[in-house]
mmCIF file of all heavy atoms, coordinates in Angstrom:
data_MODEL
# 
_entry.id   MODEL 
# 
loop_
_atom_site.group_PDB 
_atom_site.id 
_atom_site.type_symbol 
_atom_site.label_atom_id 
_atom_site.label_alt_id 
_atom_site.label_comp_id 
_atom_site.label_asym_id 
_atom_site.label_entity_id 
_atom_site.label_seq_id 
_atom_site.pdbx_PDB_ins_code 
_atom_site.Cartn_x 
_atom_site.Cartn_y 
_atom_site.Cartn_z 
_atom_site.occupancy 
_atom_site.B_iso_or_equiv 
_atom_site.pdbx_formal_charge 
_atom_site.auth_seq_id 
_atom_site.auth_comp_id 
_atom_site.auth_asym_id 
_atom_site.auth_atom_id 
_atom_site.pdbx_PDB_model_num 
ATOM 1   N N   . GLN A 1 1  ? -19.926 -2.180 -14.765 1.00 0.00 ? 1  GLN A N   1 
ATOM 2   C CA  . GLN A 1 1  ? -20.520 -3.101 -15.726 1.00 0.00 ? 1  GLN A CA  1 
ATOM 3   C C   . GLN A 1 1  ? -21.949 -3.470 -15.350 1.00 0.00 ? 1  GLN A C   1 
ATOM 4   O O   . GLN A 1 1  ? -22.824 -3.592 -16.211 1.00 0.00 ? 1  GLN A O   1 
ATOM 5   C CB  . GLN A 1 1  ? -19.645 -4.349 -15.851 1.00 0.00 ? 1  GLN A CB  1 
ATOM 6   C CG  . GLN A 1 1  ? -18.324 -4.095 -16.568 1.00 0.00 ? 1  GLN A CG  1 
ATOM 7   C CD  . GLN A 1 1  ? -17.464 -5.344 -16.651 1.00 0.00 ? 1  GLN A CD  1 
ATOM 8   O OE1 . GLN A 1 1  ? -17.016 -5.865 -15.636 1.00 0.00 ? 1  GLN A OE1 1 
ATOM 9   N NE2 . GLN A 1 1  ? -17.248 -5.821 -17.860 1.00 0.00 ? 1  GLN A NE2 1 
ATOM 10  N N   . ALA A 1 2  ? -22.197 -3.642 -14.051 1.00 0.00 ? 2  ALA A N   1 
ATOM 11  C CA  . ALA A 1 2  ? -23.537 -4.011 -13.609 1.00 0.00 ? 2  ALA A CA  1 
ATOM 12  C C   . ALA A 1 2  ? -24.546 -2.895 -13.870 1.00 0.00 ? 2  ALA A C   1 
ATOM 13  O O   . ALA A 1 2  ? -25.685 -3.156 -14.267 1.00 0.00 ? 2  ALA A O   1 
ATOM 14  C CB  . ALA A 1 2  ? -23.524 -4.362 -12.122 1.00 0.00 ? 2  ALA A CB  1 
ATOM 15  N N   . VAL A 1 3  ? -24.138 -1.650 -13.645 1.00 0.00 ? 3  VAL A N   1 
ATOM 16  C CA  . VAL A 1 3  ? -25.036 -0.522 -13.889 1.00 0.00 ? 3  VAL A CA  1 
ATOM 17  C C   . VAL A 1 3  ? -25.274 -0.345 -15.385 1.00 0.00 ? 3  VAL A C   1 
ATOM 18  O O   . VAL A 1 3  ? -26.392 -0.092 -15.835 1.00 0.00 ? 3  VAL A O   1 
ATOM 19  C CB  . VAL A 1 3  ? -24.478 0.761  -13.245 1.00 0.00 ? 3  VAL A CB  1 
ATOM 20  C CG1 . VAL A 1 3  ? -25.318 1.982  -13.638 1.00 0.00 ? 3  VAL A CG1 1 
ATOM 21  C CG2 . VAL A 1 3  ? -24.446 0.623  -11.731 1.00 0.00 ? 3  VAL A CG2 1 
ATOM 22  N N   . GLY A 1 4  ? -24.183 -0.441 -16.151 1.00 0.00 ? 4  GLY A N   1 
ATOM 23  C CA  . GLY A 1 4  ? -24.321 -0.409 -17.595 1.00 0.00 ? 4  GLY A CA  1 
ATOM 24  C C   . GLY A 1 4  ? -24.496 0.960  -18.220 1.00 0.00 ? 4  GLY A C   1 
ATOM 25  O O   . GLY A 1 4  ? -24.762 1.072  -19.409 1.00 0.00 ? 4  GLY A O   1 
ATOM 26  N N   . ALA A 1 5  ? -24.339 2.021  -17.444 1.00 0.00 ? 5  ALA A N   1 
ATOM 27  C CA  . ALA A 1 5  ? -24.465 3.373  -17.991 1.00 0.00 ? 5  ALA A CA  1 
ATOM 28  C C   . ALA A 1 5  ? -23.158 3.765  -18.690 1.00 0.00 ? 5  ALA A C   1 
ATOM 29  O O   . ALA A 1 5  ? -22.083 3.652  -18.092 1.00 0.00 ? 5  ALA A O   1 
ATOM 30  C CB  . ALA A 1 5  ? -24.777 4.365  -16.875 1.00 0.00 ? 5  ALA A CB  1 
ATOM 31  N N   . PRO A 1 6  ? -23.211 4.240  -19.919 1.00 0.00 ? 6  PRO A N   1 
ATOM 32  C CA  . PRO A 1 6  ? -21.975 4.562  -20.637 1.00 0.00 ? 6  PRO A CA  1 
ATOM 33  C C   . PRO A 1 6  ? -21.183 5.709  -20.026 1.00 0.00 ? 6  PRO A C   1 
ATOM 34  O O   . PRO A 1 6  ? -19.985 5.843  -20.284 1.00 0.00 ? 6  PRO A O   1 
ATOM 35  C CB  . PRO A 1 6  ? -22.456 4.904  -22.053 1.00 0.00 ? 6  PRO A CB  1 
ATOM 36  C CG  . PRO A 1 6  ? -23.897 5.267  -21.900 1.00 0.00 ? 6  PRO A CG  1 
ATOM 37  C CD  . PRO A 1 6  ? -24.410 4.441  -20.762 1.00 0.00 ? 6  PRO A CD  1 
ATOM 38  N N   . ASN A 1 7  ? -21.841 6.537  -19.222 1.00 0.00 ? 7  ASN A N   1 
ATOM 39  C CA  . ASN A 1 7  ? -21.149 7.666  -18.599 1.00 0.00 ? 7  ASN A CA  1 
ATOM 40  C C   . ASN A 1 7  ? -20.759 7.385  -17.151 1.00 0.00 ? 7  ASN A C   1 
ATOM 41  O O   . ASN A 1 7  ? -20.389 8.308  -16.416 1.00 0.00 ? 7  ASN A O   1 
ATOM 42  C CB  . ASN A 1 7  ? -22.008 8.927  -18.673 1.00 0.00 ? 7  ASN A CB  1 
ATOM 43  C CG  . ASN A 1 7  ? -23.306 8.795  -17.881 1.00 0.00 ? 7  ASN A CG  1 
ATOM 44  O OD1 . ASN A 1 7  ? -23.871 7.706  -17.767 1.00 0.00 ? 7  ASN A OD1 1 
ATOM 45  N ND2 . ASN A 1 7  ? -23.781 9.907  -17.330 1.00 0.00 ? 7  ASN A ND2 1 
ATOM 46  N N   . LEU A 1 8  ? -20.819 6.130  -16.717 1.00 0.00 ? 8  LEU A N   1 
ATOM 47  C CA  . LEU A 1 8  ? -20.343 5.743  -15.392 1.00 0.00 ? 8  LEU A CA  1 
ATOM 48  C C   . LEU A 1 8  ? -18.944 5.156  -15.538 1.00 0.00 ? 8  LEU A C   1 
ATOM 49  O O   . LEU A 1 8  ? -18.739 4.210  -16.310 1.00 0.00 ? 8  LEU A O   1 
ATOM 50  C CB  . LEU A 1 8  ? -21.279 4.724  -14.754 1.00 0.00 ? 8  LEU A CB  1 
ATOM 51  C CG  . LEU A 1 8  ? -20.880 4.229  -13.353 1.00 0.00 ? 8  LEU A CG  1 
ATOM 52  C CD1 . LEU A 1 8  ? -20.886 5.377  -12.346 1.00 0.00 ? 8  LEU A CD1 1 
ATOM 53  C CD2 . LEU A 1 8  ? -21.814 3.111  -12.888 1.00 0.00 ? 8  LEU A CD2 1 
ATOM 54  N N   . GLN A 1 9  ? -17.970 5.734  -14.809 1.00 0.00 ? 9  GLN A N   1 
ATOM 55  C CA  . GLN A 1 9  ? -16.576 5.342  -14.965 1.00 0.00 ? 9  GLN A CA  1 
ATOM 56  C C   . GLN A 1 9  ? -15.911 5.185  -13.602 1.00 0.00 ? 9  GLN A C   1 
ATOM 57  O O   . GLN A 1 9  ? -16.480 5.516  -12.563 1.00 0.00 ? 9  GLN A O   1 
ATOM 58  C CB  . GLN A 1 9  ? -15.829 6.389  -15.804 1.00 0.00 ? 9  GLN A CB  1 
ATOM 59  C CG  . GLN A 1 9  ? -16.376 6.561  -17.211 1.00 0.00 ? 9  GLN A CG  1 
ATOM 60  C CD  . GLN A 1 9  ? -15.656 7.657  -17.966 1.00 0.00 ? 9  GLN A CD  1 
ATOM 61  O OE1 . GLN A 1 9  ? -15.443 8.759  -17.461 1.00 0.00 ? 9  GLN A OE1 1 
ATOM 62  N NE2 . GLN A 1 9  ? -15.261 7.358  -19.199 1.00 0.00 ? 9  GLN A NE2 1 
ATOM 63  N N   . VAL A 1 10 ? -14.679 4.693  -13.643 1.00 0.00 ? 10 VAL A N   1 
ATOM 64  C CA  . VAL A 1 10 ? -13.906 4.454  -12.428 1.00 0.00 ? 10 VAL A CA  1 
ATOM 65  C C   . VAL A 1 10 ? -12.854 5.551  -12.267 1.00 0.00 ? 10 VAL A C   1 
ATOM 66  O O   . VAL A 1 10 ? -12.171 5.931  -13.225 1.00 0.00 ? 10 VAL A O   1 
ATOM 67  C CB  . VAL A 1 10 ? -13.214 3.079  -12.480 1.00 0.00 ? 10 VAL A CB  1 
ATOM 68  C CG1 . VAL A 1 10 ? -12.302 2.886  -11.254 1.00 0.00 ? 10 VAL A CG1 1 
ATOM 69  C CG2 . VAL A 1 10 ? -14.257 1.964  -12.542 1.00 0.00 ? 10 VAL A CG2 1 
ATOM 70  N N   . GLN A 1 11 ? -12.742 6.028  -11.059 1.00 0.00 ? 11 GLN A N   1 
ATOM 71  C CA  . GLN A 1 11 ? -11.678 6.951  -10.664 1.00 0.00 ? 11 GLN A CA  1 
ATOM 72  C C   . GLN A 1 11 ? -10.559 6.098  -10.056 1.00 0.00 ? 11 GLN A C   1 
ATOM 73  O O   . GLN A 1 11 ? -10.715 5.551  -8.964  1.00 0.00 ? 11 GLN A O   1 
ATOM 74  C CB  . GLN A 1 11 ? -12.232 7.952  -9.643  1.00 0.00 ? 11 GLN A CB  1 
ATOM 75  C CG  . GLN A 1 11 ? -11.293 9.052  -9.222  1.00 0.00 ? 11 GLN A CG  1 
ATOM 76  C CD  . GLN A 1 11 ? -12.047 10.120 -8.445  1.00 0.00 ? 11 GLN A CD  1 
ATOM 77  O OE1 . GLN A 1 11 ? -13.051 10.653 -8.913  1.00 0.00 ? 11 GLN A OE1 1 
ATOM 78  N NE2 . GLN A 1 11 ? -11.590 10.422 -7.245  1.00 0.00 ? 11 GLN A NE2 1 
ATOM 79  N N   . PHE A 1 12 ? -9.471  5.972  -10.758 1.00 0.00 ? 12 PHE A N   1 
ATOM 80  C CA  . PHE A 1 12 ? -8.385  5.049  -10.414 1.00 0.00 ? 12 PHE A CA  1 
ATOM 81  C C   . PHE A 1 12 ? -7.323  5.833  -9.645  1.00 0.00 ? 12 PHE A C   1 
ATOM 82  O O   . PHE A 1 12 ? -6.520  6.551  -10.231 1.00 0.00 ? 12 PHE A O   1 
ATOM 83  C CB  . PHE A 1 12 ? -7.808  4.447  -11.696 1.00 0.00 ? 12 PHE A CB  1 
ATOM 84  C CG  . PHE A 1 12 ? -6.838  3.306  -11.510 1.00 0.00 ? 12 PHE A CG  1 
ATOM 85  C CD1 . PHE A 1 12 ? -6.787  2.293  -12.453 1.00 0.00 ? 12 PHE A CD1 1 
ATOM 86  C CD2 . PHE A 1 12 ? -5.972  3.226  -10.439 1.00 0.00 ? 12 PHE A CD2 1 
ATOM 87  C CE1 . PHE A 1 12 ? -5.889  1.231  -12.328 1.00 0.00 ? 12 PHE A CE1 1 
ATOM 88  C CE2 . PHE A 1 12 ? -5.077  2.184  -10.287 1.00 0.00 ? 12 PHE A CE2 1 
ATOM 89  C CZ  . PHE A 1 12 ? -5.044  1.182  -11.241 1.00 0.00 ? 12 PHE A CZ  1 
ATOM 90  N N   . ASP A 1 13 ? -7.329  5.689  -8.336  1.00 0.00 ? 13 ASP A N   1 
ATOM 91  C CA  . ASP A 1 13 ? -6.355  6.362  -7.472  1.00 0.00 ? 13 ASP A CA  1 
ATOM 92  C C   . ASP A 1 13 ? -5.239  5.376  -7.159  1.00 0.00 ? 13 ASP A C   1 
ATOM 93  O O   . ASP A 1 13 ? -5.449  4.368  -6.490  1.00 0.00 ? 13 ASP A O   1 
ATOM 94  C CB  . ASP A 1 13 ? -7.049  6.838  -6.195  1.00 0.00 ? 13 ASP A CB  1 
ATOM 95  C CG  . ASP A 1 13 ? -6.172  7.743  -5.356  1.00 0.00 ? 13 ASP A CG  1 
ATOM 96  O OD1 . ASP A 1 13 ? -4.982  7.397  -5.150  1.00 0.00 ? 13 ASP A OD1 1 
ATOM 97  O OD2 . ASP A 1 13 ? -6.660  8.781  -4.883  1.00 0.00 ? 13 ASP A OD2 1 
ATOM 98  N N   . LEU A 1 14 ? -4.037  5.682  -7.640  1.00 0.00 ? 14 LEU A N   1 
ATOM 99  C CA  . LEU A 1 14 ? -2.915  4.757  -7.494  1.00 0.00 ? 14 LEU A CA  1 
ATOM 100 C C   . LEU A 1 14 ? -2.519  4.589  -6.030  1.00 0.00 ? 14 LEU A C   1 
ATOM 101 O O   . LEU A 1 14 ? -2.038  3.517  -5.634  1.00 0.00 ? 14 LEU A O   1 
ATOM 102 C CB  . LEU A 1 14 ? -1.720  5.236  -8.320  1.00 0.00 ? 14 LEU A CB  1 
ATOM 103 C CG  . LEU A 1 14 ? -1.729  4.860  -9.813  1.00 0.00 ? 14 LEU A CG  1 
ATOM 104 C CD1 . LEU A 1 14 ? -2.935  5.452  -10.546 1.00 0.00 ? 14 LEU A CD1 1 
ATOM 105 C CD2 . LEU A 1 14 ? -0.435  5.309  -10.486 1.00 0.00 ? 14 LEU A CD2 1 
ATOM 106 N N   . TYR A 1 15 ? -2.715  5.623  -5.231  1.00 0.00 ? 15 TYR A N   1 
ATOM 107 C CA  . TYR A 1 15 ? -2.427  5.555  -3.794  1.00 0.00 ? 15 TYR A CA  1 
ATOM 108 C C   . TYR A 1 15 ? -3.307  4.511  -3.117  1.00 0.00 ? 15 TYR A C   1 
ATOM 109 O O   . TYR A 1 15 ? -2.822  3.609  -2.420  1.00 0.00 ? 15 TYR A O   1 
ATOM 110 C CB  . TYR A 1 15 ? -2.634  6.952  -3.197  1.00 0.00 ? 15 TYR A CB  1 
ATOM 111 C CG  . TYR A 1 15 ? -2.763  7.016  -1.692  1.00 0.00 ? 15 TYR A CG  1 
ATOM 112 C CD1 . TYR A 1 15 ? -1.641  6.999  -0.876  1.00 0.00 ? 15 TYR A CD1 1 
ATOM 113 C CD2 . TYR A 1 15 ? -4.023  7.141  -1.100  1.00 0.00 ? 15 TYR A CD2 1 
ATOM 114 C CE1 . TYR A 1 15 ? -1.771  7.086  0.509   1.00 0.00 ? 15 TYR A CE1 1 
ATOM 115 C CE2 . TYR A 1 15 ? -4.155  7.234  0.278   1.00 0.00 ? 15 TYR A CE2 1 
ATOM 116 C CZ  . TYR A 1 15 ? -3.028  7.209  1.078   1.00 0.00 ? 15 TYR A CZ  1 
ATOM 117 O OH  . TYR A 1 15 ? -3.155  7.293  2.440   1.00 0.00 ? 15 TYR A OH  1 
ATOM 118 N N   . HIS A 1 16 ? -4.608  4.592  -3.329  1.00 0.00 ? 16 HIS A N   1 
ATOM 119 C CA  . HIS A 1 16 ? -5.517  3.624  -2.715  1.00 0.00 ? 16 HIS A CA  1 
ATOM 120 C C   . HIS A 1 16 ? -5.257  2.212  -3.251  1.00 0.00 ? 16 HIS A C   1 
ATOM 121 O O   . HIS A 1 16 ? -5.321  1.234  -2.496  1.00 0.00 ? 16 HIS A O   1 
ATOM 122 C CB  . HIS A 1 16 ? -6.967  4.021  -2.989  1.00 0.00 ? 16 HIS A CB  1 
ATOM 123 C CG  . HIS A 1 16 ? -7.387  5.291  -2.324  1.00 0.00 ? 16 HIS A CG  1 
ATOM 124 N ND1 . HIS A 1 16 ? -7.283  5.489  -0.967  1.00 0.00 ? 16 HIS A ND1 1 
ATOM 125 C CD2 . HIS A 1 16 ? -7.915  6.438  -2.840  1.00 0.00 ? 16 HIS A CD2 1 
ATOM 126 C CE1 . HIS A 1 16 ? -7.738  6.696  -0.663  1.00 0.00 ? 16 HIS A CE1 1 
ATOM 127 N NE2 . HIS A 1 16 ? -8.123  7.286  -1.781  1.00 0.00 ? 16 HIS A NE2 1 
ATOM 128 N N   . CYS A 1 17 ? -4.998  2.124  -4.541  1.00 0.00 ? 17 CYS A N   1 
ATOM 129 C CA  . CYS A 1 17 ? -4.766  0.807  -5.154  1.00 0.00 ? 17 CYS A CA  1 
ATOM 130 C C   . CYS A 1 17 ? -3.549  0.130  -4.555  1.00 0.00 ? 17 CYS A C   1 
ATOM 131 O O   . CYS A 1 17 ? -3.578  -1.078 -4.261  1.00 0.00 ? 17 CYS A O   1 
ATOM 132 C CB  . CYS A 1 17 ? -4.617  0.966  -6.662  1.00 0.00 ? 17 CYS A CB  1 
ATOM 133 S SG  . CYS A 1 17 ? -4.440  -0.590 -7.563  1.00 0.00 ? 17 CYS A SG  1 
ATOM 134 N N   . GLN A 1 18 ? -2.480  0.870  -4.360  1.00 0.00 ? 18 GLN A N   1 
ATOM 135 C CA  . GLN A 1 18 ? -1.270  0.276  -3.788  1.00 0.00 ? 18 GLN A CA  1 
ATOM 136 C C   . GLN A 1 18 ? -1.521  -0.236 -2.372  1.00 0.00 ? 18 GLN A C   1 
ATOM 137 O O   . GLN A 1 18 ? -1.080  -1.327 -2.009  1.00 0.00 ? 18 GLN A O   1 
ATOM 138 C CB  . GLN A 1 18 ? -0.142  1.299  -3.785  1.00 0.00 ? 18 GLN A CB  1 
ATOM 139 C CG  . GLN A 1 18 ? 1.111   0.890  -3.018  1.00 0.00 ? 18 GLN A CG  1 
ATOM 140 C CD  . GLN A 1 18 ? 1.852   -0.291 -3.629  1.00 0.00 ? 18 GLN A CD  1 
ATOM 141 O OE1 . GLN A 1 18 ? 1.500   -0.765 -4.708  1.00 0.00 ? 18 GLN A OE1 1 
ATOM 142 N NE2 . GLN A 1 18 ? 2.871   -0.769 -2.941  1.00 0.00 ? 18 GLN A NE2 1 
ATOM 143 N N   . ILE A 1 19 ? -2.244  0.520  -1.571  1.00 0.00 ? 19 ILE A N   1 
ATOM 144 C CA  . ILE A 1 19 ? -2.487  0.117  -0.186  1.00 0.00 ? 19 ILE A CA  1 
ATOM 145 C C   . ILE A 1 19 ? -3.360  -1.135 -0.127  1.00 0.00 ? 19 ILE A C   1 
ATOM 146 O O   . ILE A 1 19 ? -3.115  -2.043 0.673   1.00 0.00 ? 19 ILE A O   1 
ATOM 147 C CB  . ILE A 1 19 ? -3.126  1.279  0.599   1.00 0.00 ? 19 ILE A CB  1 
ATOM 148 C CG1 . ILE A 1 19 ? -2.125  2.428  0.751   1.00 0.00 ? 19 ILE A CG1 1 
ATOM 149 C CG2 . ILE A 1 19 ? -3.605  0.813  1.972   1.00 0.00 ? 19 ILE A CG2 1 
ATOM 150 C CD1 . ILE A 1 19 ? -2.708  3.694  1.330   1.00 0.00 ? 19 ILE A CD1 1 
ATOM 151 N N   . MET A 1 20 ? -4.372  -1.202 -0.964  1.00 0.00 ? 20 MET A N   1 
ATOM 152 C CA  . MET A 1 20 ? -5.319  -2.310 -0.897  1.00 0.00 ? 20 MET A CA  1 
ATOM 153 C C   . MET A 1 20 ? -4.890  -3.535 -1.696  1.00 0.00 ? 20 MET A C   1 
ATOM 154 O O   . MET A 1 20 ? -5.219  -4.665 -1.330  1.00 0.00 ? 20 MET A O   1 
ATOM 155 C CB  . MET A 1 20 ? -6.698  -1.856 -1.403  1.00 0.00 ? 20 MET A CB  1 
ATOM 156 C CG  . MET A 1 20 ? -7.365  -0.825 -0.532  1.00 0.00 ? 20 MET A CG  1 
ATOM 157 S SD  . MET A 1 20 ? -7.631  -1.365 1.186   1.00 0.00 ? 20 MET A SD  1 
ATOM 158 C CE  . MET A 1 20 ? -8.794  -2.705 0.953   1.00 0.00 ? 20 MET A CE  1 
ATOM 159 N N   . GLU A 1 21 ? -4.172  -3.318 -2.819  1.00 0.00 ? 21 GLU A N   1 
ATOM 160 C CA  . GLU A 1 21 ? -3.949  -4.422 -3.742  1.00 0.00 ? 21 GLU A CA  1 
ATOM 161 C C   . GLU A 1 21 ? -2.517  -4.563 -4.240  1.00 0.00 ? 21 GLU A C   1 
ATOM 162 O O   . GLU A 1 21 ? -2.045  -5.681 -4.437  1.00 0.00 ? 21 GLU A O   1 
ATOM 163 C CB  . GLU A 1 21 ? -4.845  -4.245 -4.972  1.00 0.00 ? 21 GLU A CB  1 
ATOM 164 C CG  . GLU A 1 21 ? -6.313  -4.043 -4.654  1.00 0.00 ? 21 GLU A CG  1 
ATOM 165 C CD  . GLU A 1 21 ? -7.112  -3.812 -5.917  1.00 0.00 ? 21 GLU A CD  1 
ATOM 166 O OE1 . GLU A 1 21 ? -7.277  -4.778 -6.698  1.00 0.00 ? 21 GLU A OE1 1 
ATOM 167 O OE2 . GLU A 1 21 ? -7.556  -2.664 -6.135  1.00 0.00 ? 21 GLU A OE2 1 
ATOM 168 N N   . GLY A 1 22 ? -1.844  -3.438 -4.502  1.00 0.00 ? 22 GLY A N   1 
ATOM 169 C CA  . GLY A 1 22 ? -0.553  -3.513 -5.160  1.00 0.00 ? 22 GLY A CA  1 
ATOM 170 C C   . GLY A 1 22 ? -0.705  -3.884 -6.631  1.00 0.00 ? 22 GLY A C   1 
ATOM 171 O O   . GLY A 1 22 ? -1.795  -3.804 -7.198  1.00 0.00 ? 22 GLY A O   1 
ATOM 172 N N   . ASP A 1 23 ? 0.407   -4.285 -7.248  1.00 0.00 ? 23 ASP A N   1 
ATOM 173 C CA  . ASP A 1 23 ? 0.391   -4.692 -8.662  1.00 0.00 ? 23 ASP A CA  1 
ATOM 174 C C   . ASP A 1 23 ? -0.225  -3.598 -9.526  1.00 0.00 ? 23 ASP A C   1 
ATOM 175 O O   . ASP A 1 23 ? -1.034  -3.852 -10.426 1.00 0.00 ? 23 ASP A O   1 
ATOM 176 C CB  . ASP A 1 23 ? -0.384  -6.008 -8.805  1.00 0.00 ? 23 ASP A CB  1 
ATOM 177 C CG  . ASP A 1 23 ? 0.011   -6.799 -10.044 1.00 0.00 ? 23 ASP A CG  1 
ATOM 178 O OD1 . ASP A 1 23 ? 1.096   -6.517 -10.607 1.00 0.00 ? 23 ASP A OD1 1 
ATOM 179 O OD2 . ASP A 1 23 ? -0.755  -7.687 -10.447 1.00 0.00 ? 23 ASP A OD2 1 
ATOM 180 N N   . VAL A 1 24 ? 0.167   -2.352 -9.252  1.00 0.00 ? 24 VAL A N   1 
ATOM 181 C CA  . VAL A 1 24 ? -0.514  -1.198 -9.827  1.00 0.00 ? 24 VAL A CA  1 
ATOM 182 C C   . VAL A 1 24 ? -0.327  -1.121 -11.341 1.00 0.00 ? 24 VAL A C   1 
ATOM 183 O O   . VAL A 1 24 ? -1.290  -0.872 -12.087 1.00 0.00 ? 24 VAL A O   1 
ATOM 184 C CB  . VAL A 1 24 ? -0.023  0.099  -9.151  1.00 0.00 ? 24 VAL A CB  1 
ATOM 185 C CG1 . VAL A 1 24 ? -0.650  1.314  -9.793  1.00 0.00 ? 24 VAL A CG1 1 
ATOM 186 C CG2 . VAL A 1 24 ? -0.340  0.064  -7.652  1.00 0.00 ? 24 VAL A CG2 1 
# 
């Protein structure tokens, strides 16, 4: 959101998300 480029996106890795945050 801060960069604001329409072609900038997030790569959502469920493995990393579970280790760091959970609530996937």
